[in-house]
Amino acid sequence: MNILITGGAGFIGSHVVRRFVTQYPNYNIINLDKLTYAGNLENIKDIDQSSNYSFVKGDITDLEQMRSVIKEHSISRIIHLAAESHVDRSITDPLIFVRTNLIGTSNLLQACKEAWKNDWSGKLFYHVSTDEVYGSLELDKRMFTESTAYDPRSPYSASKAGSDHMVRAFYHTYHMPVVISNCSNNYGPNHFPEKLIPLFINNIINKKSLPVYGSGENVRDWLFVEDHARAIDDIFHKGRHGETYNIGGHNEWSNIDLIKTLCNVMDKKLNRVEGESEKLITYVTDRAGHDMRYAIDASKLQDELGWTPSLQFEEGISKTIDWYLSNQDWLDNVTSGEYQKYYNNQYGE
């Protein structure tokens, strides 16, 4: 089985690549990544010499290249994670999100349709999406289910919603075998430090300000990234074609409570006075279109495929902090941008 994993040098993608390379030595894993600021091959350097792994620098917005890659490597299945994913960046430059997330996904679907020529035996297009396509929940007991109507509120979530719709359109129109998963917020090792948890870990280490949007009451459901990779594994192998599966941690935290917990744990690990890091918290103007709450009902995934999260948040966040404290060189390299210079020299701009 020749499996193309797009975005495999990114945060979630690198954990998926590692899992498939190590768990399934009889699969050939082709990792395709554009190596933008969020793509870093250091994330998977531990498996890059594996006999069943290869890397291709590629851009999903280039249809001809996608046709070539799928043909050259005889791709029979795709796990598609490549995406622009930072909401703040989508507010600044929405069109790059449309190009990558919507046009790029459409290019992959078209290239697969052409290469597979309506012979769907042994084929699969697995599209990895986000809970943000569902919009915003109030602070009540409701959660997102697979039947929740789409209501995206940012250019990022709108572009991901559009890509979800295209995947479903290829399933219904051409009968292409597809599955989609929509996951809650991830955390863990190798997370680019523009997102909340790695950014604040880095800022606490360096005693920099911890900027909190609004009052910090916005609520997110958090999932350890390795549990997400395990869920993707289960859906890839056992998910029903044409179905959507929500992936969540049943682990809701308001931003301010999460940040204060992060501060307290890091004060202990850094041998600082209790409360020292919490003094770094500052409140800033709320983000435009800031969704109040995300919460995932993952019961379909649990009932059909037997998946459940393996880590409680307290254990997962401790493990995550330990990784960043033990990998300060990685954090410094990513923060400085030096890794981009290296890979641009190695693979070209």
Protein backbone atom coordinates (compact mmCIF):
# COMPACT_ATOMS: atom_id res chain seq x y z
CA MET A 1 0.00 0.00 0.00
CA ASN A 2 1.45 3.36 -1.08
CA ILE A 3 0.05 6.07 1.19
CA LEU A 4 0.51 9.80 0.57
CA ILE A 5 0.38 11.88 3.75
CA THR A 6 0.20 15.59 3.00
CA GLY A 7 1.48 18.10 5.53
CA GLY A 8 3.57 15.41 7.19
CA ALA A 9 6.26 17.82 8.38
CA GLY A 10 3.76 19.86 10.37
CA PHE A 11 2.59 19.43 13.93
CA ILE A 12 -0.20 16.86 13.64
CA GLY A 13 1.07 15.46 10.34
CA SER A 14 4.48 14.55 11.77
CA HIS A 15 2.85 12.47 14.51
CA VAL A 16 0.67 10.72 11.92
CA VAL A 17 3.67 10.00 9.69
CA ARG A 18 5.65 8.61 12.62
CA ARG A 19 2.80 6.36 13.69
CA PHE A 20 2.23 4.91 10.23
CA VAL A 21 5.94 4.43 9.46
CA THR A 22 6.62 2.65 12.76
CA GLN A 23 3.34 0.72 13.17
CA TYR A 24 3.00 -0.47 9.57
CA PRO A 25 6.38 -1.41 8.07
CA ASN A 26 4.61 -3.05 5.10
CA TYR A 27 3.14 0.34 4.06
CA ASN A 28 5.14 2.75 1.92
CA ILE A 29 4.65 6.22 3.40
CA ILE A 30 5.26 9.22 1.14
CA ASN A 31 5.33 12.47 3.07
CA LEU A 32 4.48 15.51 0.94
CA ASP A 33 5.01 18.93 2.48
CA LYS A 34 5.63 22.42 1.10
CA LEU A 35 7.90 23.23 4.08
CA THR A 36 6.28 26.55 4.85
CA TYR A 37 7.00 28.18 8.21
CA ALA A 38 4.93 25.46 9.94
CA GLY A 39 6.65 22.53 8.21
CA ASN A 40 9.86 21.28 9.79
CA LEU A 41 11.54 17.97 8.93
CA GLU A 42 13.24 18.06 12.33
CA ASN A 43 9.85 16.95 13.62
CA ILE A 44 10.38 13.50 12.07
CA LYS A 45 14.16 13.17 11.89
CA ASP A 46 13.94 10.02 14.02
CA ILE A 47 12.24 8.08 11.21
CA ASP A 48 13.57 9.75 8.05
CA GLN A 49 15.96 6.86 7.32
CA SER A 50 13.25 4.21 7.56
CA SER A 51 13.06 1.95 4.51
CA ASN A 52 9.30 2.49 4.12
CA TYR A 53 9.49 6.31 4.24
CA SER A 54 10.23 8.94 1.63
CA PHE A 55 9.82 12.72 1.47
CA VAL A 56 8.63 14.88 -1.41
CA LYS A 57 8.67 18.66 -1.25
CA GLY A 58 5.41 19.62 -2.91
CA ASP A 59 2.67 22.20 -3.08
CA ILE A 60 -0.93 20.99 -3.18
CA THR A 61 -1.95 24.16 -5.04
CA ASP A 62 0.10 22.89 -8.01
CA LEU A 63 -2.27 20.52 -9.82
CA GLU A 64 0.34 19.26 -12.29
CA GLN A 65 2.71 18.35 -9.48
CA MET A 66 -0.05 16.50 -7.62
CA ARG A 67 -0.85 14.54 -10.77
CA SER A 68 2.83 13.67 -11.12
CA VAL A 69 3.33 12.63 -7.48
CA ILE A 70 0.24 10.40 -7.40
CA LYS A 71 1.23 8.72 -10.68
CA GLU A 72 4.95 8.37 -9.94
CA HIS A 73 4.42 6.81 -6.50
CA SER A 74 1.34 4.76 -7.49
CA ILE A 75 -0.62 6.30 -4.61
CA SER A 76 -3.65 4.26 -3.59
CA ARG A 77 -4.60 6.10 -0.41
CA ILE A 78 -4.22 9.64 0.88
CA ILE A 79 -4.34 11.12 4.37
CA HIS A 80 -4.69 14.82 3.71
CA LEU A 81 -3.54 17.12 6.52
CA ALA A 82 -1.77 19.91 4.60
CA ALA A 83 -3.50 23.18 5.45
CA GLU A 84 -3.08 26.73 6.59
CA SER A 85 -4.49 26.61 10.11
CA HIS A 86 -3.81 29.76 12.15
CA VAL A 87 -6.93 31.92 12.56
CA ASP A 88 -5.00 35.16 13.10
CA ARG A 89 -3.09 34.64 9.86
CA SER A 90 -6.38 33.96 8.03
CA ILE A 91 -7.73 37.32 9.20
CA THR A 92 -4.62 39.04 7.84
CA ASP A 93 -4.46 37.12 4.52
CA PRO A 94 -7.65 35.15 3.80
CA LEU A 95 -6.83 34.33 0.17
CA ILE A 96 -3.84 32.13 0.98
CA PHE A 97 -6.24 30.04 3.07
CA VAL A 98 -8.63 29.76 0.13
CA ARG A 99 -5.79 28.73 -2.18
CA THR A 100 -4.26 26.15 0.14
CA ASN A 101 -7.27 24.71 1.94
CA LEU A 102 -9.95 24.86 -0.74
CA ILE A 103 -8.10 24.89 -4.08
CA GLY A 104 -5.33 22.61 -2.80
CA THR A 105 -7.80 20.00 -1.56
CA SER A 106 -9.74 20.23 -4.84
CA ASN A 107 -6.50 19.66 -6.77
CA LEU A 108 -5.79 16.50 -4.78
CA LEU A 109 -9.29 15.19 -5.33
CA GLN A 110 -9.08 15.86 -9.07
CA ALA A 111 -5.64 14.27 -9.37
CA CYS A 112 -6.89 11.17 -7.54
CA LYS A 113 -10.00 10.93 -9.69
CA GLU A 114 -7.86 11.05 -12.84
CA ALA A 115 -5.26 8.58 -11.60
CA TRP A 116 -7.71 6.06 -10.13
CA LYS A 117 -10.00 6.19 -13.19
CA ASN A 118 -13.14 5.19 -11.29
CA ASP A 119 -11.46 2.01 -10.04
CA TRP A 120 -12.12 2.56 -6.36
CA SER A 121 -10.96 -0.86 -5.13
CA GLY A 122 -8.38 -0.38 -2.37
CA LYS A 123 -8.56 3.42 -2.66
CA LEU A 124 -9.26 6.03 0.01
CA PHE A 125 -9.18 9.81 0.32
CA TYR A 126 -9.05 10.69 4.04
CA HIS A 127 -9.56 14.39 4.70
CA VAL A 128 -8.53 15.76 8.11
CA SER A 129 -10.55 18.80 9.12
CA THR A 130 -11.37 20.88 12.20
CA ASP A 131 -14.19 21.45 14.67
CA GLU A 132 -14.11 25.15 13.79
CA VAL A 133 -16.27 24.51 10.71
CA TYR A 134 -19.24 24.14 13.07
CA GLY A 135 -18.97 27.71 14.35
CA SER A 136 -19.42 28.77 17.95
CA LEU A 137 -21.28 27.21 20.89
CA GLU A 138 -22.75 29.05 23.84
CA LEU A 139 -21.54 28.24 27.34
CA ASP A 140 -24.07 25.46 27.88
CA LYS A 141 -24.13 21.66 27.72
CA ARG A 142 -24.41 21.24 23.94
CA MET A 143 -21.58 19.78 21.87
CA PHE A 144 -20.79 19.49 18.18
CA THR A 145 -21.96 16.25 16.57
CA GLU A 146 -21.43 14.98 13.03
CA SER A 147 -24.88 16.33 12.12
CA THR A 148 -24.27 19.86 13.45
CA ALA A 149 -24.86 22.42 10.69
CA TYR A 150 -21.76 24.19 9.41
CA ASP A 151 -21.43 27.82 10.55
CA PRO A 152 -17.81 28.93 10.02
CA ARG A 153 -16.89 32.34 11.44
CA SER A 154 -13.31 32.99 10.23
CA PRO A 155 -11.59 32.79 6.83
CA TYR A 156 -9.72 29.75 8.17
CA SER A 157 -12.82 27.81 9.19
CA ALA A 158 -14.69 28.89 6.05
CA SER A 159 -11.88 27.57 3.84
CA LYS A 160 -11.86 24.26 5.74
CA ALA A 161 -15.65 24.03 5.49
CA GLY A 162 -15.37 24.51 1.73
CA SER A 163 -12.79 21.74 1.49
CA ASP A 164 -15.04 19.40 3.50
CA HIS A 165 -17.87 20.09 1.07
CA MET A 166 -15.65 19.33 -1.93
CA VAL A 167 -14.62 15.99 -0.45
CA ARG A 168 -18.28 15.06 0.10
CA ALA A 169 -19.11 16.23 -3.43
CA PHE A 170 -16.53 13.84 -4.90
CA TYR A 171 -18.01 11.03 -2.81
CA HIS A 172 -21.59 11.67 -3.93
CA THR A 173 -20.83 12.64 -7.54
CA TYR A 174 -18.05 10.20 -8.45
CA HIS A 175 -18.42 7.61 -5.63
CA MET A 176 -14.80 8.19 -4.59
CA PRO A 177 -14.19 6.41 -1.24
CA VAL A 178 -13.69 9.18 1.33
CA VAL A 179 -13.75 9.73 5.07
CA ILE A 180 -13.58 13.01 6.96
CA SER A 181 -12.65 13.71 10.56
CA ASN A 182 -13.15 16.95 12.47
CA CYS A 183 -10.95 17.32 15.52
CA SER A 184 -10.79 19.65 18.49
CA ASN A 185 -7.71 21.65 19.53
CA ASN A 186 -4.51 19.60 19.71
CA TYR A 187 -1.51 20.05 21.98
CA GLY A 188 1.76 18.21 22.43
CA PRO A 189 5.37 18.02 21.17
CA ASN A 190 6.52 19.75 17.95
CA HIS A 191 3.72 22.34 17.97
CA PHE A 192 4.75 25.55 16.20
CA PRO A 193 4.95 28.33 18.83
CA GLU A 194 2.30 30.61 17.37
CA LYS A 195 -0.50 28.56 18.91
CA LEU A 196 -1.57 29.16 22.51
CA ILE A 197 0.11 26.37 24.48
CA PRO A 198 3.58 26.29 22.84
CA LEU A 199 3.61 30.11 22.59
CA PHE A 200 2.90 30.51 26.28
CA ILE A 201 5.36 27.78 27.27
CA ASN A 202 8.05 29.63 25.33
CA ASN A 203 7.03 33.00 26.78
CA ILE A 204 7.02 31.65 30.33
CA ILE A 205 10.50 30.18 29.82
CA ASN A 206 11.71 33.59 28.64
CA LYS A 207 9.59 35.61 31.11
CA LYS A 208 7.70 37.37 28.32
CA SER A 209 4.14 38.69 28.38
CA LEU A 210 1.27 36.19 28.11
CA PRO A 211 -1.34 38.02 25.95
CA VAL A 212 -4.89 36.81 26.61
CA TYR A 213 -7.68 37.75 24.19
CA GLY A 214 -10.61 39.56 25.83
CA SER A 215 -11.44 38.19 29.27
CA GLY A 216 -10.03 34.73 28.52
CA GLU A 217 -13.43 33.06 28.99
CA ASN A 218 -13.44 31.41 25.54
CA VAL A 219 -13.61 27.62 25.93
CA ARG A 220 -11.80 24.95 23.91
CA ASP A 221 -11.78 21.15 23.95
CA TRP A 222 -8.16 19.91 24.08
CA LEU A 223 -6.74 16.62 22.81
CA PHE A 224 -3.20 15.26 23.06
CA VAL A 225 -1.78 15.03 19.54
CA GLU A 226 -0.75 11.37 19.79
CA ASP A 227 -4.35 10.48 20.64
CA HIS A 228 -5.41 12.32 17.47
CA ALA A 229 -2.89 10.31 15.43
CA ARG A 230 -4.27 7.11 16.94
CA ALA A 231 -7.82 8.17 16.03
CA ILE A 232 -6.72 8.87 12.44
CA ASP A 233 -5.20 5.37 12.36
CA ASP A 234 -8.50 3.85 13.50
CA ILE A 235 -10.60 5.85 11.03
CA PHE A 236 -8.20 5.10 8.17
CA HIS A 237 -8.45 1.38 8.74
CA LYS A 238 -12.00 0.94 10.05
CA GLY A 239 -14.01 4.05 9.16
CA ARG A 240 -17.03 3.71 6.87
CA HIS A 241 -16.72 5.38 3.48
CA GLY A 242 -18.67 8.59 3.13
CA GLU A 243 -18.80 9.10 6.89
CA THR A 244 -17.60 11.91 9.13
CA TYR A 245 -16.08 11.22 12.55
CA ASN A 246 -15.64 13.86 15.25
CA ILE A 247 -12.52 13.53 17.39
CA GLY A 248 -12.41 15.22 20.79
CA GLY A 249 -10.95 14.93 24.24
CA HIS A 250 -14.07 15.60 26.36
CA ASN A 251 -11.68 18.04 27.97
CA GLU A 252 -13.00 21.61 28.00
CA TRP A 253 -10.97 24.46 29.45
CA SER A 254 -11.49 28.20 29.37
CA ASN A 255 -8.41 29.93 28.00
CA ILE A 256 -7.71 31.75 31.26
CA ASP A 257 -8.00 28.60 33.39
CA LEU A 258 -5.73 26.71 31.01
CA ILE A 259 -3.15 29.52 31.07
CA LYS A 260 -3.16 29.72 34.87
CA THR A 261 -2.71 25.94 35.07
CA LEU A 262 0.17 26.19 32.59
CA CYS A 263 1.76 28.91 34.72
CA ASN A 264 1.44 26.88 37.93
CA VAL A 265 2.89 23.70 36.42
CA MET A 266 5.78 25.57 34.83
CA ASP A 267 6.62 27.43 38.04
CA LYS A 268 7.09 24.04 39.69
CA LYS A 269 9.14 22.59 36.83
CA LEU A 270 11.31 25.72 36.57
CA ASN A 271 11.71 26.00 40.37
CA ARG A 272 10.14 29.45 40.40
CA VAL A 273 8.14 31.05 43.16
CA GLU A 274 4.49 30.02 42.99
CA GLY A 275 2.52 32.66 41.10
CA GLU A 276 5.57 34.20 39.40
CA SER A 277 4.58 33.21 35.85
CA GLU A 278 0.94 34.18 36.37
CA LYS A 279 2.10 37.79 36.78
CA LEU A 280 3.05 37.72 33.07
CA ILE A 281 -0.63 37.52 32.03
CA THR A 282 -1.89 40.60 30.17
CA TYR A 283 -5.32 41.12 28.61
CA VAL A 284 -5.48 42.37 25.02
CA THR A 285 -8.23 43.36 22.60
CA ASP A 286 -10.30 40.35 21.62
CA ARG A 287 -9.72 38.71 18.25
CA ALA A 288 -12.13 39.53 15.43
CA GLY A 289 -14.82 36.85 15.08
CA HIS A 290 -13.55 35.01 18.16
CA ASP A 291 -15.72 31.88 18.68
CA MET A 292 -16.87 31.52 22.27
CA ARG A 293 -16.74 27.75 22.69
CA TYR A 294 -15.89 24.52 20.86
CA ALA A 295 -16.87 21.14 22.28
CA ILE A 296 -16.81 17.81 20.47
CA ASP A 297 -19.10 14.85 20.98
CA ALA A 298 -16.85 11.93 19.97
CA SER A 299 -19.35 9.20 20.88
CA LYS A 300 -19.74 8.02 17.26
CA LEU A 301 -15.99 7.36 17.03
CA GLN A 302 -16.01 5.63 20.40
CA ASP A 303 -19.09 3.52 19.71
CA GLU A 304 -18.18 2.45 16.16
CA LEU A 305 -14.39 2.15 16.32
CA GLY A 306 -13.64 1.82 20.02
CA TRP A 307 -11.41 4.90 20.26
CA THR A 308 -11.05 6.86 23.49
CA PRO A 309 -8.44 9.44 24.63
CA SER A 310 -5.56 7.84 26.50
CA LEU A 311 -4.34 10.83 28.53
CA GLN A 312 -6.02 13.13 31.01
CA PHE A 313 -5.15 16.76 30.41
CA GLU A 314 -3.01 17.16 33.54
CA GLU A 315 -0.81 14.23 32.45
CA GLY A 316 -0.72 15.38 28.84
CA ILE A 317 0.21 18.99 29.62
CA SER A 318 2.96 17.85 32.00
CA LYS A 319 4.35 15.57 29.29
CA THR A 320 4.14 18.41 26.76
CA ILE A 321 5.96 20.92 28.98
CA ASP A 322 8.68 18.35 29.70
CA TRP A 323 9.21 17.88 25.96
CA TYR A 324 9.67 21.61 25.32
CA LEU A 325 11.99 22.01 28.30
CA SER A 326 14.07 19.07 27.03
CA ASN A 327 14.09 20.37 23.44
CA GLN A 328 15.05 24.00 23.90
CA ASP A 329 17.26 23.85 20.79
CA TRP A 330 14.23 22.87 18.67
CA LEU A 331 12.20 25.69 20.18
CA ASP A 332 14.95 28.26 19.64
CA ASN A 333 15.54 27.06 16.08
CA VAL A 334 11.86 27.29 15.20
CA THR A 335 11.42 30.67 16.87
CA SER A 336 14.42 32.14 15.06
CA GLY A 337 13.43 30.74 11.65
CA GLU A 338 16.85 29.13 11.11
CA TYR A 339 15.22 25.81 10.15
CA GLN A 340 13.60 27.47 7.12
CA LYS A 341 16.94 28.73 5.83
CA TYR A 342 18.38 25.22 6.06
CA TYR A 343 15.54 23.50 4.23
CA ASN A 344 15.28 26.23 1.61
CA ASN A 345 18.95 25.64 0.82
CA GLN A 346 18.47 21.86 0.77
CA TYR A 347 15.23 21.64 -1.22
CA GLY A 348 15.01 25.04 -2.90
CA GLU A 349 12.60 27.90 -2.29
